[in-house]
C-alpha cells in the first residue's frame, strides 16, 4: 500500500443518510464541524458541533469535508487510522451527549475500510 493510493481516495466519505441528517442539523445550526471521537465518553462516534462552539486543536488533522462540513481527528488517532478511509453513516439511536445529532433518534456512526480494499 503506497501513499499514492491514500492520496487518490478521499480520507472521509458520507452516506446519503448522513448527508440528509447533516442538512437537517444545518437548519438549526448552519455552521457545523465533525470531530472523530477518540473513545473517551462516546465511543468512536463522529461528534457534530457548532463551528463557533468547538475549538479545533493544534494537534487535530483535517481529514476532508462531507457535504461541505469539515471533519477532524486528533493527530495521535490519525496515526492509527491513516491507512483507513472513514465513512460517516447514520443508524437509529441517541447521539453523543454534546453532539448535535443527540435527541434526533438517529446518530452518526463511523464505518471504515482500508485504502485500496474496495
Protein backbone atom coordinates (compact mmCIF):
# COMPACT_ATOMS: atom_id res chain seq x y z
CA UNK A 1 0.00 0.00 0.00
CA UNK A 2 1.54 3.29 -1.06
CA UNK A 3 0.90 6.87 -0.12
CA UNK A 4 -0.31 7.41 -3.71
CA UNK A 5 -3.30 5.13 -3.04
CA UNK A 6 -4.32 7.04 0.06
CA UNK A 7 -3.93 10.36 -1.71
CA UNK A 8 -6.09 9.32 -4.68
CA UNK A 9 -9.06 8.42 -2.46
CA UNK A 10 -10.81 10.78 -0.04
CA UNK A 11 -9.98 10.12 3.62
CA UNK A 12 -13.62 10.64 4.62
CA UNK A 13 -16.94 10.00 2.87
CA UNK A 14 -20.60 10.23 3.90
CA UNK A 15 -23.57 8.06 3.07
CA UNK A 16 -26.76 9.57 1.69
CA UNK A 17 -28.37 9.13 5.13
CA UNK A 18 -25.52 11.07 6.77
CA UNK A 19 -25.82 13.89 4.24
CA UNK A 20 -29.57 14.08 4.92
CA UNK A 21 -29.01 14.33 8.69
CA UNK A 22 -26.30 16.94 8.16
CA UNK A 23 -28.75 19.11 6.17
CA UNK A 24 -31.38 18.65 8.90
CA UNK A 25 -28.94 19.76 11.61
CA UNK A 26 -27.84 22.72 9.49
CA UNK A 27 -31.39 24.09 9.52
CA UNK A 28 -30.84 24.76 13.24
CA UNK A 29 -27.04 25.20 13.17
CA UNK A 30 -25.82 26.38 9.75
CA UNK A 31 -22.09 26.21 10.55
CA UNK A 32 -21.02 22.84 11.92
CA UNK A 33 -18.00 20.56 12.01
CA UNK A 34 -17.23 16.96 12.87
CA UNK A 35 -14.55 15.65 15.19
CA UNK A 36 -13.91 11.93 15.26
CA UNK A 37 -14.14 10.93 18.91
CA UNK A 38 -11.23 9.07 20.40
CA UNK A 39 -13.44 6.89 22.56
CA UNK A 40 -13.44 8.66 25.93
CA UNK A 41 -17.12 9.31 26.51
CA UNK A 42 -18.93 8.45 23.31
CA UNK A 43 -17.02 5.52 21.89
CA UNK A 44 -15.70 6.16 18.43
CA UNK A 45 -18.63 8.24 17.25
CA UNK A 46 -18.14 11.20 14.96
CA UNK A 47 -19.21 14.16 17.05
CA UNK A 48 -21.04 17.05 15.38
CA UNK A 49 -20.61 20.52 16.89
CA UNK A 50 -21.45 24.13 16.03
CA UNK A 51 -18.27 25.54 14.45
CA UNK A 52 -18.21 28.55 16.74
CA UNK A 53 -18.51 26.41 19.89
CA UNK A 54 -15.70 23.92 19.22
CA UNK A 55 -12.05 24.83 19.13
CA UNK A 56 -10.07 22.71 16.71
CA UNK A 57 -6.83 21.78 18.48
CA UNK A 58 -3.28 22.29 17.27
CA UNK A 59 -2.89 18.52 17.07
CA UNK A 60 -6.09 17.93 15.09
CA UNK A 61 -5.85 16.81 11.46
CA UNK A 62 -8.47 17.78 8.89
CA UNK A 63 -9.49 14.61 7.04
CA UNK A 64 -11.63 16.40 4.48
CA UNK A 65 -15.22 17.53 4.14
CA UNK A 66 -18.57 15.79 3.83
CA UNK A 67 -21.47 17.81 2.49
CA UNK A 68 -19.25 20.90 2.81
CA UNK A 69 -18.68 20.21 6.53
CA UNK A 70 -15.08 19.77 7.75
CA UNK A 71 -14.12 16.56 9.54
CA UNK A 72 -11.21 16.47 12.03
CA UNK A 73 -9.41 13.80 14.02
CA UNK A 74 -6.71 14.04 16.69
CA UNK A 75 -3.20 13.51 15.28
CA UNK A 76 -2.45 10.51 17.51
CA UNK A 77 -5.66 8.80 16.41
CA UNK A 78 -4.93 9.75 12.79
CA UNK A 79 -1.63 7.87 13.03
CA UNK A 80 -3.54 4.73 13.91
CA UNK A 81 -6.12 5.19 11.15
CA UNK A 82 -4.05 6.84 8.40
CA UNK A 83 -4.45 3.84 6.06
CA UNK A 84 -8.21 3.77 6.63
CA UNK A 85 -10.99 5.61 4.87
CA UNK A 86 -13.75 6.74 7.23
CA UNK A 87 -17.35 6.54 6.07
CA UNK A 88 -19.79 8.59 8.13
CA UNK A 89 -23.17 6.87 8.26
CA UNK A 90 -26.39 7.12 10.32
CA UNK A 91 -28.10 4.50 12.48
CA UNK A 92 -31.07 4.57 14.83
CA UNK A 93 -30.28 5.66 18.37
CA UNK A 94 -29.09 8.53 20.52
CA UNK A 95 -26.13 10.68 19.55
CA UNK A 96 -23.28 11.65 21.83
CA UNK A 97 -24.18 13.80 24.82
CA UNK A 98 -22.78 17.01 23.31
CA UNK A 99 -23.17 16.12 19.63
CA UNK A 100 -25.85 17.89 17.59
CA UNK A 101 -27.35 14.57 16.47
CA UNK A 102 -28.41 13.85 20.07
CA UNK A 103 -32.19 13.87 20.55
CA UNK A 104 -32.97 13.21 16.89
CA UNK A 105 -33.38 9.44 17.37
CA UNK A 106 -30.67 8.93 14.74
CA UNK A 107 -26.96 9.19 15.31
CA UNK A 108 -23.83 9.38 13.25
CA UNK A 109 -21.65 6.28 13.11
CA UNK A 110 -18.19 5.82 11.64
CA UNK A 111 -17.58 2.86 9.39
CA UNK A 112 -14.19 2.24 7.83
CA UNK A 113 -12.30 0.38 5.17
CA UNK A 114 -8.61 0.06 4.36
CA UNK A 115 -7.49 2.11 1.39
CA UNK A 116 -7.30 0.03 -1.76
CA UNK A 117 -9.77 -2.58 -0.46
CA UNK A 118 -12.93 -1.56 -2.38
